[in-house]
Amino acid sequence: MQQEARAQREKEDRAAIRWGSGQRGIDKGVWGGLAMMVGAVVWFVVGWMAGYIFFYPPILFVIGIVALVRGLADRR
């Protein structure tokens, strides 16, 4: 059972290297984290310019940081 899982993992690693995603190290978690952080900053600044201060954008920014760090940590 473990040998099959190891063989599957090696096959996925070879495919990732072939397409370059393994070398770049950028995956869904990283892109999602960056998108959340950018969205939070835009939301906060636009609200601030309109005279409102929203409390959710800083929370979204922190969640984006967590997603970014987890995405970078999950690289193989």
PDB file of N, CA and C in Angstrom:
ATOM      1  N   MET A   1       0.823  -1.193   0.000  1.00  0.00           N
ATOM      2  CA  MET A   1       0.000   0.000   0.000  1.00  0.00           C
ATOM      3  C   MET A   1       0.867   1.257   0.000  1.00  0.00           C
ATOM      4  N   GLN A   2       1.894   1.256   0.826  1.00  0.00           N
ATOM      5  CA  GLN A   2       2.764   2.426   0.898  1.00  0.00           C
ATOM      6  C   GLN A   2       3.582   2.575  -0.380  1.00  0.00           C
ATOM      7  N   GLN A   3       3.931   1.440  -0.983  1.00  0.00           N
ATOM      8  CA  GLN A   3       4.705   1.506  -2.224  1.00  0.00           C
ATOM      9  C   GLN A   3       3.881   2.122  -3.344  1.00  0.00           C
ATOM     10  N   GLU A   4       2.584   1.820  -3.380  1.00  0.00           N
ATOM     11  CA  GLU A   4       1.720   2.404  -4.395  1.00  0.00           C
ATOM     12  C   GLU A   4       1.592   3.912  -4.194  1.00  0.00           C
ATOM     13  N   ALA A   5       1.447   4.325  -2.943  1.00  0.00           N
ATOM     14  CA  ALA A   5       1.348   5.751  -2.648  1.00  0.00           C
ATOM     15  C   ALA A   5       2.649   6.461  -2.998  1.00  0.00           C
ATOM     16  N   ARG A   6       3.771   5.830  -2.696  1.00  0.00           N
ATOM     17  CA  ARG A   6       5.069   6.429  -3.012  1.00  0.00           C
ATOM     18  C   ARG A   6       5.249   6.540  -4.526  1.00  0.00           C
ATOM     19  N   ALA A   7       4.838   5.513  -5.266  1.00  0.00           N
ATOM     20  CA  ALA A   7       4.957   5.543  -6.719  1.00  0.00           C
ATOM     21  C   ALA A   7       4.071   6.649  -7.304  1.00  0.00           C
ATOM     22  N   GLN A   8       2.874   6.804  -6.764  1.00  0.00           N
ATOM     23  CA  GLN A   8       1.974   7.860  -7.232  1.00  0.00           C
ATOM     24  C   GLN A   8       2.568   9.235  -6.945  1.00  0.00           C
ATOM     25  N   ARG A   9       3.144   9.420  -5.744  1.00  0.00           N
ATOM     26  CA  ARG A   9       3.752  10.696  -5.376  1.00  0.00           C
ATOM     27  C   ARG A   9       4.930  11.023  -6.295  1.00  0.00           C
ATOM     28  N   GLU A  10       5.759  10.014  -6.613  1.00  0.00           N
ATOM     29  CA  GLU A  10       6.891  10.241  -7.508  1.00  0.00           C
ATOM     30  C   GLU A  10       6.414  10.605  -8.908  1.00  0.00           C
ATOM     31  N   LYS A  11       5.326   9.971  -9.356  1.00  0.00           N
ATOM     32  CA  LYS A  11       4.765  10.293 -10.660  1.00  0.00           C
ATOM     33  C   LYS A  11       4.272  11.740 -10.695  1.00  0.00           C
ATOM     34  N   GLU A  12       3.595  12.175  -9.620  1.00  0.00           N
ATOM     35  CA  GLU A  12       3.121  13.559  -9.549  1.00  0.00           C
ATOM     36  C   GLU A  12       4.284  14.540  -9.494  1.00  0.00           C
ATOM     37  N   ASP A  13       5.345  14.174  -8.757  1.00  0.00           N
ATOM     38  CA  ASP A  13       6.521  15.047  -8.682  1.00  0.00           C
ATOM     39  C   ASP A  13       7.164  15.210 -10.046  1.00  0.00           C
ATOM     40  N   ARG A  14       7.283  14.116 -10.796  1.00  0.00           N
ATOM     41  CA  ARG A  14       7.864  14.203 -12.137  1.00  0.00           C
ATOM     42  C   ARG A  14       7.004  15.074 -13.048  1.00  0.00           C
ATOM     43  N   ALA A  15       5.675  14.948 -12.932  1.00  0.00           N
ATOM     44  CA  ALA A  15       4.779  15.771 -13.749  1.00  0.00           C
ATOM     45  C   ALA A  15       4.900  17.240 -13.364  1.00  0.00           C
ATOM     46  N   ALA A  16       5.031  17.517 -12.068  1.00  0.00           N
ATOM     47  CA  ALA A  16       5.156  18.905 -11.624  1.00  0.00           C
ATOM     48  C   ALA A  16       6.449  19.521 -12.129  1.00  0.00           C
ATOM     49  N   ILE A  17       7.519  18.758 -12.123  1.00  0.00           N
ATOM     50  CA  ILE A  17       8.798  19.285 -12.610  1.00  0.00           C
ATOM     51  C   ILE A  17       8.723  19.496 -14.116  1.00  0.00           C
ATOM     52  N   ARG A  18       8.062  18.592 -14.810  1.00  0.00           N
ATOM     53  CA  ARG A  18       7.947  18.711 -16.259  1.00  0.00           C
ATOM     54  C   ARG A  18       7.219  19.991 -16.644  1.00  0.00           C
ATOM     55  N   TRP A  19       6.173  20.345 -15.907  1.00  0.00           N
ATOM     56  CA  TRP A  19       5.393  21.538 -16.225  1.00  0.00           C
ATOM     57  C   TRP A  19       5.913  22.777 -15.523  1.00  0.00           C
ATOM     58  N   GLY A  20       6.906  22.644 -14.662  1.00  0.00           N
ATOM     59  CA  GLY A  20       7.520  23.801 -14.042  1.00  0.00           C
ATOM     60  C   GLY A  20       6.868  24.262 -12.757  1.00  0.00           C
ATOM     61  N   SER A  21       5.748  23.665 -12.356  1.00  0.00           N
ATOM     62  CA  SER A  21       5.091  24.137 -11.143  1.00  0.00           C
ATOM     63  C   SER A  21       5.891  23.781  -9.900  1.00  0.00           C
ATOM     64  N   GLY A  22       6.649  22.728  -9.944  1.00  0.00           N
ATOM     65  CA  GLY A  22       7.477  22.365  -8.800  1.00  0.00           C
ATOM     66  C   GLY A  22       8.637  23.325  -8.616  1.00  0.00           C
ATOM     67  N   GLN A  23       9.150  23.848  -9.705  1.00  0.00           N
ATOM     68  CA  GLN A  23      10.280  24.762  -9.626  1.00  0.00           C
ATOM     69  C   GLN A  23       9.850  26.155  -9.212  1.00  0.00           C
ATOM     70  N   ARG A  24       8.691  26.587  -9.643  1.00  0.00           N
ATOM     71  CA  ARG A  24       8.221  27.930  -9.290  1.00  0.00           C
ATOM     72  C   ARG A  24       7.774  28.002  -7.853  1.00  0.00           C
ATOM     73  N   GLY A  25       7.180  26.939  -7.352  1.00  0.00           N
ATOM     74  CA  GLY A  25       6.728  26.911  -5.969  1.00  0.00           C
ATOM     75  C   GLY A  25       5.511  27.781  -5.707  1.00  0.00           C
ATOM     76  N   ILE A  26       4.757  28.092  -6.740  1.00  0.00           N
ATOM     77  CA  ILE A  26       3.572  28.925  -6.571  1.00  0.00           C
ATOM     78  C   ILE A  26       2.358  28.055  -6.878  1.00  0.00           C
ATOM     79  N   ASP A  27       1.481  27.927  -5.926  1.00  0.00           N
ATOM     80  CA  ASP A  27       0.304  27.101  -6.109  1.00  0.00           C
ATOM     81  C   ASP A  27      -0.941  27.864  -5.694  1.00  0.00           C
ATOM     82  N   LYS A  28      -2.041  27.144  -5.580  1.00  0.00           N
ATOM     83  CA  LYS A  28      -3.319  27.791  -5.265  1.00  0.00           C
ATOM     84  C   LYS A  28      -3.282  28.526  -3.930  1.00  0.00           C
ATOM     85  N   GLY A  29      -2.631  27.956  -2.929  1.00  0.00           N
ATOM     86  CA  GLY A  29      -2.588  28.594  -1.619  1.00  0.00           C
ATOM     87  C   GLY A  29      -1.868  29.926  -1.651  1.00  0.00           C
ATOM     88  N   VAL A  30      -0.777  29.961  -2.387  1.00  0.00           N
ATOM     89  CA  VAL A  30       0.001  31.195  -2.481  1.00  0.00           C
ATOM     90  C   VAL A  30      -0.795  32.256  -3.236  1.00  0.00           C
ATOM     91  N   TRP A  31      -1.351  31.887  -4.388  1.00  0.00           N
ATOM     92  CA  TRP A  31      -2.124  32.854  -5.172  1.00  0.00           C
ATOM     93  C   TRP A  31      -3.363  33.303  -4.409  1.00  0.00           C
ATOM     94  N   GLY A  32      -4.017  32.366  -3.734  1.00  0.00           N
ATOM     95  CA  GLY A  32      -5.204  32.729  -2.955  1.00  0.00           C
ATOM     96  C   GLY A  32      -4.868  33.674  -1.821  1.00  0.00           C
ATOM     97  N   GLY A  33      -3.751  33.419  -1.131  1.00  0.00           N
ATOM     98  CA  GLY A  33      -3.325  34.301  -0.054  1.00  0.00           C
ATOM     99  C   GLY A  33      -2.996  35.693  -0.548  1.00  0.00           C
ATOM    100  N   LEU A  34      -2.293  35.758  -1.671  1.00  0.00           N
ATOM    101  CA  LEU A  34      -1.969  37.074  -2.240  1.00  0.00           C
ATOM    102  C   LEU A  34      -3.225  37.816  -2.665  1.00  0.00           C
ATOM    103  N   ALA A  35      -4.166  37.097  -3.265  1.00  0.00           N
ATOM    104  CA  ALA A  35      -5.415  37.732  -3.705  1.00  0.00           C
ATOM    105  C   ALA A  35      -6.206  38.264  -2.511  1.00  0.00           C
ATOM    106  N   MET A  36      -6.242  37.490  -1.425  1.00  0.00           N
ATOM    107  CA  MET A  36      -6.961  37.963  -0.232  1.00  0.00           C
ATOM    108  C   MET A  36      -6.304  39.201   0.352  1.00  0.00           C
ATOM    109  N   MET A  37      -4.972  39.226   0.391  1.00  0.00           N
ATOM    110  CA  MET A  37      -4.282  40.382   0.959  1.00  0.00           C
ATOM    111  C   MET A  37      -4.490  41.628   0.096  1.00  0.00           C
ATOM    112  N   VAL A  38      -4.389  41.481  -1.217  1.00  0.00           N
ATOM    113  CA  VAL A  38      -4.606  42.622  -2.113  1.00  0.00           C
ATOM    114  C   VAL A  38      -6.051  43.107  -2.013  1.00  0.00           C
ATOM    115  N   GLY A  39      -6.989  42.172  -2.007  1.00  0.00           N
ATOM    116  CA  GLY A  39      -8.397  42.544  -1.888  1.00  0.00           C
ATOM    117  C   GLY A  39      -8.693  43.263  -0.585  1.00  0.00           C
ATOM    118  N   ALA A  40      -8.069  42.803   0.502  1.00  0.00           N
ATOM    119  CA  ALA A  40      -8.286  43.443   1.799  1.00  0.00           C
ATOM    120  C   ALA A  40      -7.742  44.870   1.807  1.00  0.00           C
ATOM    121  N   VAL A  41      -6.563  45.058   1.218  1.00  0.00           N
ATOM    122  CA  VAL A  41      -5.976  46.405   1.192  1.00  0.00           C
ATOM    123  C   VAL A  41      -6.837  47.344   0.347  1.00  0.00           C
ATOM    124  N   VAL A  42      -7.273  46.870  -0.818  1.00  0.00           N
ATOM    125  CA  VAL A  42      -8.111  47.709  -1.686  1.00  0.00           C
ATOM    126  C   VAL A  42      -9.414  48.058  -0.980  1.00  0.00           C
ATOM    127  N   TRP A  43     -10.050  47.074  -0.379  1.00  0.00           N
ATOM    128  CA  TRP A  43     -11.316  47.285   0.323  1.00  0.00           C
ATOM    129  C   TRP A  43     -11.143  48.304   1.449  1.00  0.00           C
ATOM    130  N   PHE A  44     -10.074  48.149   2.235  1.00  0.00           N
ATOM    131  CA  PHE A  44      -9.841  49.054   3.361  1.00  0.00           C
ATOM    132  C   PHE A  44      -9.585  50.482   2.880  1.00  0.00           C
ATOM    133  N   VAL A  45      -8.725  50.628   1.870  1.00  0.00           N
ATOM    134  CA  VAL A  45      -8.358  51.966   1.386  1.00  0.00           C
ATOM    135  C   VAL A  45      -9.559  52.656   0.735  1.00  0.00           C
ATOM    136  N   VAL A  46     -10.310  51.930  -0.080  1.00  0.00           N
ATOM    137  CA  VAL A  46     -11.480  52.535  -0.720  1.00  0.00           C
ATOM    138  C   VAL A  46     -12.515  52.938   0.329  1.00  0.00           C
ATOM    139  N   GLY A  47     -12.730  52.099   1.319  1.00  0.00           N
ATOM    140  CA  GLY A  47     -13.655  52.447   2.396  1.00  0.00           C
ATOM    141  C   GLY A  47     -13.184  53.639   3.187  1.00  0.00           C
ATOM    142  N   TRP A  48     -11.879  53.688   3.451  1.00  0.00           N
ATOM    143  CA  TRP A  48     -11.303  54.806   4.210  1.00  0.00           C
ATOM    144  C   TRP A  48     -11.443  56.111   3.428  1.00  0.00           C
ATOM    145  N   MET A  49     -11.211  56.039   2.113  1.00  0.00           N
ATOM    146  CA  MET A  49     -11.352  57.241   1.288  1.00  0.00           C
ATOM    147  C   MET A  49     -12.808  57.716   1.245  1.00  0.00           C
ATOM    148  N   ALA A  50     -13.740  56.799   1.390  1.00  0.00           N
ATOM    149  CA  ALA A  50     -15.159  57.155   1.389  1.00  0.00           C
ATOM    150  C   ALA A  50     -15.638  57.583   2.772  1.00  0.00           C
ATOM    151  N   GLY A  51     -14.750  57.531   3.759  1.00  0.00           N
ATOM    152  CA  GLY A  51     -15.109  57.967   5.100  1.00  0.00           C
ATOM    153  C   GLY A  51     -15.565  56.855   6.024  1.00  0.00           C
ATOM    154  N   TYR A  52     -15.385  55.625   5.605  1.00  0.00           N
ATOM    155  CA  TYR A  52     -15.766  54.481   6.432  1.00  0.00           C
ATOM    156  C   TYR A  52     -14.534  53.658   6.768  1.00  0.00           C
ATOM    157  N   ILE A  53     -14.540  53.072   7.934  1.00  0.00           N
ATOM    158  CA  ILE A  53     -13.481  52.128   8.293  1.00  0.00           C
ATOM    159  C   ILE A  53     -14.159  50.794   8.570  1.00  0.00           C
ATOM    160  N   PHE A  54     -13.894  49.830   7.684  1.00  0.00           N
ATOM    161  CA  PHE A  54     -14.445  48.502   7.836  1.00  0.00           C
ATOM    162  C   PHE A  54     -13.514  47.664   8.708  1.00  0.00           C
ATOM    163  N   PHE A  55     -14.077  46.794   9.534  1.00  0.00           N
ATOM    164  CA  PHE A  55     -13.239  45.979  10.413  1.00  0.00           C
ATOM    165  C   PHE A  55     -12.889  44.629   9.797  1.00  0.00           C
ATOM    166  N   TYR A  56     -13.566  44.201   8.746  1.00  0.00           N
ATOM    167  CA  TYR A  56     -13.291  42.897   8.164  1.00  0.00           C
ATOM    168  C   TYR A  56     -12.018  42.851   7.308  1.00  0.00           C
ATOM    169  N   PRO A  57     -11.621  43.892   6.579  1.00  0.00           N
ATOM    170  CA  PRO A  57     -10.402  43.799   5.766  1.00  0.00           C
ATOM    171  C   PRO A  57      -9.136  43.431   6.544  1.00  0.00           C
ATOM    172  N   PRO A  58      -8.897  43.962   7.761  1.00  0.00           N
ATOM    173  CA  PRO A  58      -7.704  43.497   8.475  1.00  0.00           C
ATOM    174  C   PRO A  58      -7.764  42.003   8.814  1.00  0.00           C
ATOM    175  N   ILE A  59      -8.962  41.512   9.103  1.00  0.00           N
ATOM    176  CA  ILE A  59      -9.111  40.081   9.377  1.00  0.00           C
ATOM    177  C   ILE A  59      -8.821  39.280   8.109  1.00  0.00           C
ATOM    178  N   LEU A  60      -9.347  39.743   6.990  1.00  0.00           N
ATOM    179  CA  LEU A  60      -9.099  39.082   5.709  1.00  0.00           C
ATOM    180  C   LEU A  60      -7.613  39.118   5.359  1.00  0.00           C
ATOM    181  N   PHE A  61      -6.944  40.208   5.679  1.00  0.00           N
ATOM    182  CA  PHE A  61      -5.509  40.318   5.416  1.00  0.00           C
ATOM    183  C   PHE A  61      -4.734  39.274   6.213  1.00  0.00           C
ATOM    184  N   VAL A  62      -5.089  39.097   7.476  1.00  0.00           N
ATOM    185  CA  VAL A  62      -4.409  38.094   8.312  1.00  0.00           C
ATOM    186  C   VAL A  62      -4.682  36.689   7.782  1.00  0.00           C
ATOM    187  N   ILE A  63      -5.913  36.418   7.363  1.00  0.00           N
ATOM    188  CA  ILE A  63      -6.226  35.115   6.780  1.00  0.00           C
ATOM    189  C   ILE A  63      -5.415  34.902   5.507  1.00  0.00           C
ATOM    190  N   GLY A  64      -5.225  35.951   4.727  1.00  0.00           N
ATOM    191  CA  GLY A  64      -4.403  35.866   3.523  1.00  0.00           C
ATOM    192  C   GLY A  64      -2.954  35.556   3.844  1.00  0.00           C
ATOM    193  N   ILE A  65      -2.425  36.149   4.900  1.00  0.00           N
ATOM    194  CA  ILE A  65      -1.052  35.851   5.317  1.00  0.00           C
ATOM    195  C   ILE A  65      -0.928  34.385   5.708  1.00  0.00           C
ATOM    196  N   VAL A  66      -1.904  33.890   6.464  1.00  0.00           N
ATOM    197  CA  VAL A  66      -1.885  32.484   6.874  1.00  0.00           C
ATOM    198  C   VAL A  66      -1.930  31.576   5.647  1.00  0.00           C
ATOM    199  N   ALA A  67      -2.795  31.883   4.676  1.00  0.00           N
ATOM    200  CA  ALA A  67      -2.884  31.074   3.461  1.00  0.00           C
ATOM    201  C   ALA A  67      -1.584  31.123   2.668  1.00  0.00           C
ATOM    202  N   LEU A  68      -0.977  32.278   2.600  1.00  0.00           N
ATOM    203  CA  LEU A  68       0.298  32.421   1.894  1.00  0.00           C
ATOM    204  C   LEU A  68       1.382  31.581   2.547  1.00  0.00           C
ATOM    205  N   VAL A  69       1.496  31.677   3.854  1.00  0.00           N
ATOM    206  CA  VAL A  69       2.532  30.921   4.575  1.00  0.00           C
ATOM    207  C   VAL A  69       2.281  29.419   4.441  1.00  0.00           C
ATOM    208  N   ARG A  70       1.020  29.001   4.573  1.00  0.00           N
ATOM    209  CA  ARG A  70       0.716  27.578   4.426  1.00  0.00           C
ATOM    210  C   ARG A  70       0.982  27.092   3.013  1.00  0.00           C
ATOM    211  N   GLY A  71       0.684  27.919   2.021  1.00  0.00           N
ATOM    212  CA  GLY A  71       0.964  27.541   0.638  1.00  0.00           C
ATOM    213  C   GLY A  71       2.451  27.394   0.381  1.00  0.00           C
ATOM    214  N   LEU A  72       3.247  28.276   0.956  1.00  0.00           N
ATOM    215  CA  LEU A  72       4.704  28.168   0.801  1.00  0.00           C
ATOM    216  C   LEU A  72       5.261  26.991   1.588  1.00  0.00           C
ATOM    217  N   ALA A  73       4.674  26.699   2.752  1.00  0.00           N
ATOM    218  CA  ALA A  73       5.157  25.589   3.572  1.00  0.00           C
ATOM    219  C   ALA A  73       4.797  24.236   2.983  1.00  0.00           C
ATOM    220  N   ASP A  74       3.728  24.173   2.184  1.00  0.00           N
ATOM    221  CA  ASP A  74       3.296  22.896   1.616  1.00  0.00           C
ATOM    222  C   ASP A  74       4.070  22.506   0.360  1.00  0.00           C
ATOM    223  N   ARG A  75       4.994  23.358  -0.043  1.00  0.00           N
ATOM    224  CA  ARG A  75       5.803  23.001  -1.220  1.00  0.00           C
ATOM    225  C   ARG A  75       6.627  21.775  -0.907  1.00  0.00           C
ATOM    226  N   ARG A  76       6.900  20.979  -1.933  1.00  0.00           N
ATOM    227  CA  ARG A  76       7.749  19.790  -1.741  1.00  0.00           C
ATOM    228  C   ARG A  76       9.105  20.040  -2.294  1.00  0.00           C
TER     229      ARG A  76
END
